[in-house]
Structure formats: structure tokens, C-alpha cells
C-alpha atoms as a PDB file:
ATOM      1  CA  UNK A   1      78.070  79.241 103.177  1.00  0.00           C
ATOM      2  CA  UNK A   2      79.962  75.954 102.132  1.00  0.00           C
ATOM      3  CA  UNK A   3      82.293  74.973  99.735  1.00  0.00           C
ATOM      4  CA  UNK A   4      84.799  72.078  98.643  1.00  0.00           C
ATOM      5  CA  UNK A   5      86.939  73.273 101.960  1.00  0.00           C
ATOM      6  CA  UNK A   6      84.576  74.603 104.686  1.00  0.00           C
ATOM      7  CA  UNK A   7      85.526  77.785 106.327  1.00  0.00           C
ATOM      8  CA  UNK A   8      86.498  76.884 110.056  1.00  0.00           C
ATOM      9  CA  UNK A   9      87.633  79.140 112.476  1.00  0.00           C
ATOM     10  CA  UNK A  10      91.327  79.201 112.178  1.00  0.00           C
ATOM     11  CA  UNK A  11      90.669  79.830 108.596  1.00  0.00           C
ATOM     12  CA  UNK A  12      88.105  82.882 109.740  1.00  0.00           C
ATOM     13  CA  UNK A  13      90.759  84.449 111.886  1.00  0.00           C
ATOM     14  CA  UNK A  14      93.417  84.373 109.265  1.00  0.00           C
ATOM     15  CA  UNK A  15      91.315  85.570 106.515  1.00  0.00           C
ATOM     16  CA  UNK A  16      90.215  88.491 108.871  1.00  0.00           C
ATOM     17  CA  UNK A  17      93.810  89.368 109.686  1.00  0.00           C
ATOM     18  CA  UNK A  18      94.442  89.431 105.800  1.00  0.00           C
ATOM     19  CA  UNK A  19      91.486  91.205 105.152  1.00  0.00           C
ATOM     20  CA  UNK A  20      92.364  93.878 107.871  1.00  0.00           C
ATOM     21  CA  UNK A  21      96.014  94.146 106.726  1.00  0.00           C
ATOM     22  CA  UNK A  22      94.413  95.042 102.973  1.00  0.00           C
ATOM     23  CA  UNK A  23      92.011  97.456 104.000  1.00  0.00           C
ATOM     24  CA  UNK A  24      95.036  99.384 105.866  1.00  0.00           C
ATOM     25  CA  UNK A  25      97.140  98.753 102.683  1.00  0.00           C
ATOM     26  CA  UNK A  26      94.663 100.714 100.551  1.00  0.00           C
ATOM     27  CA  UNK A  27      93.272 103.203 103.086  1.00  0.00           C
ATOM     28  CA  UNK A  28      95.716 104.454 105.011  1.00  0.00           C
ATOM     29  CA  UNK A  29      96.855 107.256 102.615  1.00  0.00           C
ATOM     30  CA  UNK A  30      93.432 108.832 103.468  1.00  0.00           C
ATOM     31  CA  UNK A  31      94.284 109.170 107.034  1.00  0.00           C
ATOM     32  CA  UNK A  32      98.030 110.511 106.454  1.00  0.00           C
ATOM     33  CA  UNK A  33      98.920 113.723 107.825  1.00  0.00           C
ATOM     34  CA  UNK A  34      99.619 116.875 105.700  1.00  0.00           C
ATOM     35  CA  UNK A  35     103.300 116.479 106.303  1.00  0.00           C
ATOM     36  CA  UNK A  36     103.564 112.817 105.688  1.00  0.00           C
ATOM     37  CA  UNK A  37     105.838 111.754 102.598  1.00  0.00           C
ATOM     38  CA  UNK A  38     104.054 108.336 102.686  1.00  0.00           C
ATOM     39  CA  UNK A  39     101.399 109.527 100.114  1.00  0.00           C
ATOM     40  CA  UNK A  40     101.952 106.816  97.580  1.00  0.00           C
ATOM     41  CA  UNK A  41     102.357 102.956  97.467  1.00  0.00           C
ATOM     42  CA  UNK A  42     105.552 102.799  95.431  1.00  0.00           C
ATOM     43  CA  UNK A  43     107.479 102.277  98.496  1.00  0.00           C
ATOM     44  CA  UNK A  44     105.416 100.140 100.530  1.00  0.00           C
ATOM     45  CA  UNK A  45     104.169  98.023  97.910  1.00  0.00           C
ATOM     46  CA  UNK A  46     107.131  95.387  98.209  1.00  0.00           C
ATOM     47  CA  UNK A  47     106.322  94.986 102.172  1.00  0.00           C
ATOM     48  CA  UNK A  48     102.732  94.581 101.264  1.00  0.00           C
ATOM     49  CA  UNK A  49     104.080  91.560  99.048  1.00  0.00           C
ATOM     50  CA  UNK A  50     106.233  90.446 101.763  1.00  0.00           C
ATOM     51  CA  UNK A  51     103.699  90.180 104.273  1.00  0.00           C
ATOM     52  CA  UNK A  52     100.925  88.831 102.005  1.00  0.00           C
ATOM     53  CA  UNK A  53     102.604  85.767 100.823  1.00  0.00           C
ATOM     54  CA  UNK A  54     103.187  84.367 104.210  1.00  0.00           C
ATOM     55  CA  UNK A  55      99.621  85.122 105.177  1.00  0.00           C
ATOM     56  CA  UNK A  56      98.446  82.954 102.187  1.00  0.00           C
ATOM     57  CA  UNK A  57     100.382  80.505 103.333  1.00  0.00           C
ATOM     58  CA  UNK A  58      98.468  80.850 106.723  1.00  0.00           C
ATOM     59  CA  UNK A  59      95.395  80.547 104.975  1.00  0.00           C
ATOM     60  CA  UNK A  60      96.415  77.300 103.335  1.00  0.00           C
ATOM     61  CA  UNK A  61      97.865  75.666 106.797  1.00  0.00           C
ATOM     62  CA  UNK A  62      94.930  76.783 108.549  1.00  0.00           C
ATOM     63  CA  UNK A  63      92.755  74.974 106.173  1.00  0.00           C
ATOM     64  CA  UNK A  64      95.037  71.900 106.357  1.00  0.00           C
ATOM     65  CA  UNK A  65      94.511  72.114 110.162  1.00  0.00           C
ATOM     66  CA  UNK A  66      90.664  72.132 109.884  1.00  0.00           C
ATOM     67  CA  UNK A  67      90.191  68.098 110.246  1.00  0.00           C
ATOM     68  CA  UNK A  68      87.734  66.260 107.871  1.00  0.00           C
ATOM     69  CA  UNK A  69      86.679  69.090 105.792  1.00  0.00           C
ATOM     70  CA  UNK A  70      90.254  70.730 105.515  1.00  0.00           C
ATOM     71  CA  UNK A  71      92.712  71.226 102.850  1.00  0.00           C
ATOM     72  CA  UNK A  72      94.104  68.003 100.977  1.00  0.00           C
ATOM     73  CA  UNK A  73      96.269  66.931  98.176  1.00  0.00           C
ATOM     74  CA  UNK A  74      93.269  67.034  95.761  1.00  0.00           C
ATOM     75  CA  UNK A  75      92.178  70.505  96.683  1.00  0.00           C
ATOM     76  CA  UNK A  76      95.843  71.985  95.771  1.00  0.00           C
ATOM     77  CA  UNK A  77      95.602  70.143  92.934  1.00  0.00           C
ATOM     78  CA  UNK A  78      92.216  71.769  91.844  1.00  0.00           C
ATOM     79  CA  UNK A  79      93.703  75.066  93.061  1.00  0.00           C
ATOM     80  CA  UNK A  80      96.889  74.888  90.736  1.00  0.00           C
ATOM     81  CA  UNK A  81      94.412  74.000  87.835  1.00  0.00           C
ATOM     82  CA  UNK A  82      91.978  76.887  88.127  1.00  0.00           C
ATOM     83  CA  UNK A  83      94.685  79.206  88.968  1.00  0.00           C
ATOM     84  CA  UNK A  84      96.490  78.351  85.732  1.00  0.00           C
ATOM     85  CA  UNK A  85      93.396  78.739  83.828  1.00  0.00           C
ATOM     86  CA  UNK A  86      92.561  82.254  85.345  1.00  0.00           C
ATOM     87  CA  UNK A  87      96.012  83.336  84.574  1.00  0.00           C
ATOM     88  CA  UNK A  88      95.529  81.837  80.932  1.00  0.00           C
ATOM     89  CA  UNK A  89      92.324  83.587  80.411  1.00  0.00           C
ATOM     90  CA  UNK A  90      93.602  87.239  81.404  1.00  0.00           C
ATOM     91  CA  UNK A  91      95.893  88.058  78.620  1.00  0.00           C
ATOM     92  CA  UNK A  92      92.675  87.592  76.168  1.00  0.00           C
ATOM     93  CA  UNK A  93      91.018  90.804  77.147  1.00  0.00           C
ATOM     94  CA  UNK A  94      93.953  92.800  78.804  1.00  0.00           C
ATOM     95  CA  UNK A  95      93.937  96.481  77.190  1.00  0.00           C
ATOM     96  CA  UNK A  96      90.281  95.719  75.432  1.00  0.00           C
ATOM     97  CA  UNK A  97      87.925  98.439  77.094  1.00  0.00           C
ATOM     98  CA  UNK A  98      88.287  96.871  80.412  1.00  0.00           C
ATOM     99  CA  UNK A  99      87.045  93.243  78.974  1.00  0.00           C
ATOM    100  CA  UNK A 100      88.740  90.585  81.308  1.00  0.00           C
ATOM    101  CA  UNK A 101      86.924  87.061  80.912  1.00  0.00           C
ATOM    102  CA  UNK A 102      88.892  85.515  83.864  1.00  0.00           C
ATOM    103  CA  UNK A 103      86.513  87.379  86.223  1.00  0.00           C
ATOM    104  CA  UNK A 104      83.671  85.256  85.740  1.00  0.00           C
ATOM    105  CA  UNK A 105      85.685  82.118  86.322  1.00  0.00           C
ATOM    106  CA  UNK A 106      87.250  83.575  89.602  1.00  0.00           C
ATOM    107  CA  UNK A 107      83.288  84.159  90.629  1.00  0.00           C
ATOM    108  CA  UNK A 108      82.298  80.560  89.792  1.00  0.00           C
ATOM    109  CA  UNK A 109      85.195  79.079  91.031  1.00  0.00           C
ATOM    110  CA  UNK A 110      85.160  80.997  94.525  1.00  0.00           C
ATOM    111  CA  UNK A 111      81.326  79.767  94.651  1.00  0.00           C
ATOM    112  CA  UNK A 112      82.223  76.300  94.336  1.00  0.00           C
ATOM    113  CA  UNK A 113      85.524  76.181  96.260  1.00  0.00           C
ATOM    114  CA  UNK A 114      84.259  78.319  99.354  1.00  0.00           C
ATOM    115  CA  UNK A 115      85.636  81.464 100.995  1.00  0.00           C
ATOM    116  CA  UNK A 116      88.791  80.352 102.225  1.00  0.00           C
ATOM    117  CA  UNK A 117      90.226  78.367  99.224  1.00  0.00           C
ATOM    118  CA  UNK A 118      88.310  81.168  96.888  1.00  0.00           C
ATOM    119  CA  UNK A 119      90.265  83.938  98.567  1.00  0.00           C
ATOM    120  CA  UNK A 120      93.858  81.925  98.177  1.00  0.00           C
ATOM    121  CA  UNK A 121      92.670  81.186  94.263  1.00  0.00           C
ATOM    122  CA  UNK A 122      91.973  84.635  93.418  1.00  0.00           C
ATOM    123  CA  UNK A 123      95.312  85.718  95.056  1.00  0.00           C
ATOM    124  CA  UNK A 124      97.453  83.234  93.517  1.00  0.00           C
ATOM    125  CA  UNK A 125      95.962  83.698  89.724  1.00  0.00           C
ATOM    126  CA  UNK A 126      96.776  87.427  89.935  1.00  0.00           C
ATOM    127  CA  UNK A 127     100.313  86.356  91.033  1.00  0.00           C
ATOM    128  CA  UNK A 128     100.410  83.919  88.222  1.00  0.00           C
ATOM    129  CA  UNK A 129      98.828  86.314  85.687  1.00  0.00           C
ATOM    130  CA  UNK A 130     101.275  88.844  86.527  1.00  0.00           C
ATOM    131  CA  UNK A 131     104.333  86.767  85.847  1.00  0.00           C
ATOM    132  CA  UNK A 132     102.659  85.570  82.570  1.00  0.00           C
ATOM    133  CA  UNK A 133     102.056  88.910  81.338  1.00  0.00           C
ATOM    134  CA  UNK A 134     104.809  90.458  82.821  1.00  0.00           C
ATOM    135  CA  UNK A 135     102.533  92.672  85.093  1.00  0.00           C
ATOM    136  CA  UNK A 136     104.629  92.853  88.130  1.00  0.00           C
ATOM    137  CA  UNK A 137     104.836  96.058  89.588  1.00  0.00           C
ATOM    138  CA  UNK A 138     103.741  97.876  92.959  1.00  0.00           C
ATOM    139  CA  UNK A 139     100.174  97.300  91.750  1.00  0.00           C
ATOM    140  CA  UNK A 140     100.423  93.264  91.969  1.00  0.00           C
ATOM    141  CA  UNK A 141      99.981  92.721  95.948  1.00  0.00           C
ATOM    142  CA  UNK A 142      97.346  95.240  95.777  1.00  0.00           C
ATOM    143  CA  UNK A 143      95.585  93.277  92.563  1.00  0.00           C
ATOM    144  CA  UNK A 144      95.948  89.941  94.335  1.00  0.00           C
ATOM    145  CA  UNK A 145      94.319  91.176  97.674  1.00  0.00           C
ATOM    146  CA  UNK A 146      91.247  92.616  95.393  1.00  0.00           C
ATOM    147  CA  UNK A 147      90.779  89.542  93.430  1.00  0.00           C
ATOM    148  CA  UNK A 148      90.980  87.426  96.609  1.00  0.00           C
ATOM    149  CA  UNK A 149      88.500  89.662  98.285  1.00  0.00           C
ATOM    150  CA  UNK A 150      86.065  88.912  94.893  1.00  0.00           C
ATOM    151  CA  UNK A 151      86.536  85.018  95.283  1.00  0.00           C
ATOM    152  CA  UNK A 152      85.938  85.437  99.144  1.00  0.00           C
ATOM    153  CA  UNK A 153      82.652  87.220  98.495  1.00  0.00           C
ATOM    154  CA  UNK A 154      81.512  84.619  95.901  1.00  0.00           C
ATOM    155  CA  UNK A 155      82.027  81.748  98.314  1.00  0.00           C
ATOM    156  CA  UNK A 156      79.942  84.081 101.090  1.00  0.00           C
ATOM    157  CA  UNK A 157      76.935  84.004  99.028  1.00  0.00           C
ATOM    158  CA  UNK A 158      74.078  82.363 100.353  1.00  0.00           C
ATOM    159  CA  UNK A 159      72.278  79.267  98.932  1.00  0.00           C
ATOM    160  CA  UNK A 160      75.641  77.281  98.538  1.00  0.00           C
ATOM    161  CA  UNK A 161      74.056  74.150  98.910  1.00  0.00           C
ATOM    162  CA  UNK A 162      70.418  74.785  98.256  1.00  0.00           C
ATOM    163  CA  UNK A 163      70.321  77.426  95.199  1.00  0.00           C
ATOM    164  CA  UNK A 164      70.883  75.815  91.730  1.00  0.00           C
ATOM    165  CA  UNK A 165      69.919  76.552  88.378  1.00  0.00           C
ATOM    166  CA  UNK A 166      68.841  79.964  86.795  1.00  0.00           C
ATOM    167  CA  UNK A 167      68.505  81.580  89.818  1.00  0.00           C
ATOM    168  CA  UNK A 168      71.830  80.686  91.111  1.00  0.00           C
ATOM    169  CA  UNK A 169      73.356  81.946  87.597  1.00  0.00           C
ATOM    170  CA  UNK A 170      71.046  85.159  88.115  1.00  0.00           C
ATOM    171  CA  UNK A 171      72.868  85.636  91.423  1.00  0.00           C
ATOM    172  CA  UNK A 172      76.355  84.848  90.613  1.00  0.00           C
ATOM    173  CA  UNK A 173      75.966  87.361  87.460  1.00  0.00           C
ATOM    174  CA  UNK A 174      74.713  90.158  89.700  1.00  0.00           C
ATOM    175  CA  UNK A 175      77.664  89.470  91.988  1.00  0.00           C
ATOM    176  CA  UNK A 176      79.952  89.442  89.076  1.00  0.00           C
ATOM    177  CA  UNK A 177      79.051  92.931  87.970  1.00  0.00           C
ATOM    178  CA  UNK A 178      78.869  94.460  91.354  1.00  0.00           C
ATOM    179  CA  UNK A 179      82.363  92.870  92.079  1.00  0.00           C
ATOM    180  CA  UNK A 180      83.913  93.853  88.884  1.00  0.00           C
ATOM    181  CA  UNK A 181      83.137  97.451  89.469  1.00  0.00           C
ATOM    182  CA  UNK A 182      84.268  97.570  92.794  1.00  0.00           C
ATOM    183  CA  UNK A 183      87.409  95.522  91.798  1.00  0.00           C
ATOM    184  CA  UNK A 184      88.239  98.672  89.935  1.00  0.00           C
ATOM    185  CA  UNK A 185      87.150 100.965  92.330  1.00  0.00           C
ATOM    186  CA  UNK A 186      89.632  99.455  95.070  1.00  0.00           C
ATOM    187  CA  UNK A 187      92.338  99.440  92.455  1.00  0.00           C
ATOM    188  CA  UNK A 188      91.898 103.021  91.936  1.00  0.00           C
ATOM    189  CA  UNK A 189      92.310 103.738  95.386  1.00  0.00           C
ATOM    190  CA  UNK A 190      95.888 102.208  94.985  1.00  0.00           C
ATOM    191  CA  UNK A 191      97.041 104.296  92.195  1.00  0.00           C
ATOM    192  CA  UNK A 192      95.110 107.614  93.097  1.00  0.00           C
ATOM    193  CA  UNK A 193      97.427 109.157  95.767  1.00  0.00           C
ATOM    194  CA  UNK A 194     100.077 109.067  92.906  1.00  0.00           C
ATOM    195  CA  UNK A 195      98.308 111.999  91.771  1.00  0.00           C
ATOM    196  CA  UNK A 196      98.932 114.005  94.632  1.00  0.00           C
ATOM    197  CA  UNK A 197     100.686 117.639  94.056  1.00  0.00           C
ATOM    198  CA  UNK A 198      99.024 117.693  90.537  1.00  0.00           C
ATOM    199  CA  UNK A 199      96.547 120.652  91.355  1.00  0.00           C
ATOM    200  CA  UNK A 200      93.867 118.708  89.516  1.00  0.00           C
ATOM    201  CA  UNK A 201      90.176 118.653  90.781  1.00  0.00           C
ATOM    202  CA  UNK A 202      90.271 114.904  91.404  1.00  0.00           C
ATOM    203  CA  UNK A 203      93.701 114.920  92.866  1.00  0.00           C
ATOM    204  CA  UNK A 204      94.820 113.573  96.284  1.00  0.00           C
ATOM    205  CA  UNK A 205      95.476 116.217  98.965  1.00  0.00           C
ATOM    206  CA  UNK A 206      97.324 114.651 101.921  1.00  0.00           C
ATOM    207  CA  UNK A 207      95.885 115.685 105.246  1.00  0.00           C
ATOM    208  CA  UNK A 208      92.516 116.970 103.673  1.00  0.00           C
ATOM    209  CA  UNK A 209      89.468 115.948 105.440  1.00  0.00           C
ATOM    210  CA  UNK A 210      88.136 112.429 104.552  1.00  0.00           C
ATOM    211  CA  UNK A 211      84.908 113.824 102.995  1.00  0.00           C
ATOM    212  CA  UNK A 212      86.790 116.079 100.754  1.00  0.00           C
ATOM    213  CA  UNK A 213      89.352 113.564  99.348  1.00  0.00           C
ATOM    214  CA  UNK A 214      86.384 110.965  99.044  1.00  0.00           C
ATOM    215  CA  UNK A 215      84.573 113.443  96.856  1.00  0.00           C
ATOM    216  CA  UNK A 216      87.474 113.979  94.476  1.00  0.00           C
ATOM    217  CA  UNK A 217      87.887 110.122  94.395  1.00  0.00           C
ATOM    218  CA  UNK A 218      84.204 109.501  93.522  1.00  0.00           C
ATOM    219  CA  UNK A 219      84.914 112.357  90.703  1.00  0.00           C
ATOM    220  CA  UNK A 220      88.236 110.517  89.694  1.00  0.00           C
ATOM    221  CA  UNK A 221      86.500 106.908  89.241  1.00  0.00           C
ATOM    222  CA  UNK A 222      83.666 108.554  87.223  1.00  0.00           C
ATOM    223  CA  UNK A 223      85.976 110.408  84.777  1.00  0.00           C
ATOM    224  CA  UNK A 224      88.603 107.631  84.531  1.00  0.00           C
ATOM    225  CA  UNK A 225      87.864 104.102  85.169  1.00  0.00           C
ATOM    226  CA  UNK A 226      84.118 103.641  85.108  1.00  0.00           C
ATOM    227  CA  UNK A 227      84.416 103.245  81.015  1.00  0.00           C
ATOM    228  CA  UNK A 228      86.512 100.243  81.843  1.00  0.00           C
ATOM    229  CA  UNK A 229      84.404  98.642  84.645  1.00  0.00           C
ATOM    230  CA  UNK A 230      81.191  98.876  83.329  1.00  0.00           C
ATOM    231  CA  UNK A 231      82.334  96.709  79.986  1.00  0.00           C
ATOM    232  CA  UNK A 232      83.999  94.228  82.648  1.00  0.00           C
ATOM    233  CA  UNK A 233      80.900  93.982  84.622  1.00  0.00           C
ATOM    234  CA  UNK A 234      78.952  93.350  81.399  1.00  0.00           C
ATOM    235  CA  UNK A 235      81.127  90.457  80.215  1.00  0.00           C
ATOM    236  CA  UNK A 236      81.024  88.983  83.725  1.00  0.00           C
ATOM    237  CA  UNK A 237      77.365  88.816  84.030  1.00  0.00           C
ATOM    238  CA  UNK A 238      76.667  87.724  80.423  1.00  0.00           C
ATOM    239  CA  UNK A 239      79.213  84.862  80.871  1.00  0.00           C
ATOM    240  CA  UNK A 240      77.754  83.729  84.282  1.00  0.00           C
ATOM    241  CA  UNK A 241      74.520  83.609  82.707  1.00  0.00           C
ATOM    242  CA  UNK A 242      75.210  81.908  79.244  1.00  0.00           C
ATOM    243  CA  UNK A 243      78.447  79.427  80.126  1.00  0.00           C
ATOM    244  CA  UNK A 244      77.781  79.818  84.222  1.00  0.00           C
ATOM    245  CA  UNK A 245      75.655  76.833  84.405  1.00  0.00           C
ATOM    246  CA  UNK A 246      77.687  74.094  82.539  1.00  0.00           C
ATOM    247  CA  UNK A 247      80.869  75.148  84.050  1.00  0.00           C
ATOM    248  CA  UNK A 248      79.194  75.332  87.753  1.00  0.00           C
ATOM    249  CA  UNK A 249      78.358  71.813  87.170  1.00  0.00           C
ATOM    250  CA  UNK A 250      81.546  70.542  85.955  1.00  0.00           C
ATOM    251  CA  UNK A 251      83.349  72.231  88.917  1.00  0.00           C
ATOM    252  CA  UNK A 252      81.062  70.420  91.062  1.00  0.00           C
ATOM    253  CA  UNK A 253      81.393  67.179  89.278  1.00  0.00           C
ATOM    254  CA  UNK A 254      85.088  67.290  89.525  1.00  0.00           C
ATOM    255  CA  UNK A 255      84.886  67.904  93.245  1.00  0.00           C
ATOM    256  CA  UNK A 256      82.506  65.251  93.722  1.00  0.00           C
ATOM    257  CA  UNK A 257      84.580  62.590  91.783  1.00  0.00           C
ATOM    258  CA  UNK A 258      87.864  63.677  93.774  1.00  0.00           C
ATOM    259  CA  UNK A 259      85.771  62.949  96.962  1.00  0.00           C
ATOM    260  CA  UNK A 260      87.123  65.793  98.640  1.00  0.00           C
ATOM    261  CA  UNK A 261      86.961  65.273 102.427  1.00  0.00           C
ATOM    262  CA  UNK A 262      86.365  61.699 102.269  1.00  0.00           C
ATOM    263  CA  UNK A 263      87.909  59.777 105.036  1.00  0.00           C
ATOM    264  CA  UNK A 264      90.687  57.277 103.921  1.00  0.00           C
ATOM    265  CA  UNK A 265      90.155  53.571 105.113  1.00  0.00           C
ATOM    266  CA  UNK A 266      91.940  50.372 104.734  1.00  0.00           C
ATOM    267  CA  UNK A 267      90.199  47.003 104.465  1.00  0.00           C
ATOM    268  CA  UNK A 268      91.823  43.855 105.882  1.00  0.00           C
ATOM    269  CA  UNK A 269      92.731  41.542 103.119  1.00  0.00           C
END
């Protein structure tokens, strides 16, 4: 488990806190009582967004304090470039059968940058793309969290320092396919509670037993979004297998030339 910026204990604690907040934000409707009016996310999304930004800043601050392997100006610069590239890629496939080429870039960048910086990259990329495409709404903070988890998982994959070549591409292609489907499933959980009260066989029913709601949710995913998630997964896997090798080498070469974490030294004249 390694990257441009290592995952220290401070970053690990903050990432754990952010993920706990995210799990609660996505999953609390499943535990809401039948009499609760809080069955959707339209009201709580602004609060989640207001909480998410300081937590992302906390991850950055934790990285700054990690010592020699912490965040520096060059890492921030690379983060900005990759976030801009990801935001620019997103409109290329938006609205076309779920095809989103930005996914493979996020997976590869998360692999190279590591889990902490990868999480920040995923969240910032979705924030920037939301501003670029006009996709700002109650779903945006949830998209930021979900994409942050995609990049975080890529940074946590084994063999970051030893696995190279075709085997690494196959690993990333498999992870990219699974994470693309998982992203769509998690985002379904954000929008699904809006269906409460529609008397549909796949509607969310506040206060129902968790297994019953989860069964309806599974049917909802199969009938509504799987046709979008599978093409996204296939495209991500294909891009990782075809152009993943050169891009990984380019990213790693850029980090070596930037000499991340190299201590500054001054010689006497």
C-alpha cells in the first residue's frame, strides 16, 4: 500500500471519519422509522456538502503533517492537473449508455497517488465536473463521496510497489469494472428513497424491515441502472487494458521527476 503520498495514521483517522459520515449519509434512510419525514436526501444534501468540504480539507492538512512522505506543493499541483483532466473527460460520455471514460483515469491515478490523495482527487474531480457540466444538485456531495471511495480503493490495492506490467493492468481492469458497478449501486441508494410512497414493487418503504427494503433495492438496481453500470464497467476495463500501461508509466515518471518527498538541502557556496 503505497503511493506518491503515503497513508499515515493522521490521514487514516480522517479518512475513516469521512467514510463513516458517508456510510451514514447513504444508508440512514434504511434505518429511519415509519413515521419519520426524513426519507430522502433533498434536505440533508446541503448539510452533507457543508460537512464534506472541511473533512476533505482535514485530509489535506493531515497529509501536510505526515512528515517526509506528506503532501507538498508538487503533489497539490499534480492533484489539480488530474482533477482538471478528469472533469474534462466526464462530459465526453455523459448521457451515452453510462459510458464515462473518466473512471479509468480515476482508477489509475488513485493507484499511483495512493489512498489518501486518491480520495481527495476523486471528490475534487466530481466537484469540478459538476461545476463544468452544470450538474450541481443534491446528488453532488454523494457523487463526491462515491468517487472518492473508488480512488481510495485503487490506492489500497496490493502490489503497489512490486506489481507491474500486464498483471497490474489486469488487476486494475478488474477493480475498475467492479468499482464502476459499485459506484452506480451506491448512487442508486442516494436516489432510491425518493420513490417512497409511489406504491411500486421497487419503492422504498420507510420503517419496513431491512431485508425487505434491500430486496426491493436489488430489484430496483437490476431493472433501472444495470444497463448503464455494465457499459461503464466494460469501458473502464477495456481502457485499463489498452492504454492503462502507458498512462501508468507516464504518471509514475511524472512523480519521479517531481521528486516527491525529497528533502530539500542547501550547500555552502
